[in-house]
């Protein structure tokens, strides 16, 4: 069984657990915080993935770091530690967020621009997405100066790319073909 399949199964089980205990929104909040912590700390991720450190030490350190602020996440840490799968923690958390969004009928849309977008543009994007997608739209804004100008919109395995970077890449390919 692949890593992605395993993490999806853990995530689905956590959704079931959250529904059963009526704390799904709390789990969502805590897993979102845990994802942010893991993505912000390369050292912590390296520690978790280090095969020379025992699972017991990893579990103890993670419990000490997280138990006070994120008490419900200890469930998944204990479970993954018992199954010697702590290296899947970030994937399980991200899988949980995806499953939560599906359960709550939320479409996560990532808008990437080279500069900060105005509220008017954000509202226009929101209105456009509401017209083509069912469910609640959760807009995530990212910045990438390499786009030069324009934007990309990613949602449901679809990318709308209206960036200058992409246009320049297309022109470069066409120029190479003609030479």
Foldseek 3Di string as FASTA:
>chain_A
DDLLVVLLVLLVVVCVVCVVVVNLVLLLVLLVVVLVVPVVDPPLLCVQPDPVDQLVVNLVVCCVVRCVPRVVCNVVSVVCSVVVNSNSSNVNSVSNNVVVCVVQQEKEKEKEFQDDDDPVVVVVVLVVCVVVGDGHYDYHYHYDNLLVGDIWMDIPNDIDDPGVNVVVVVVVVVVVVVD
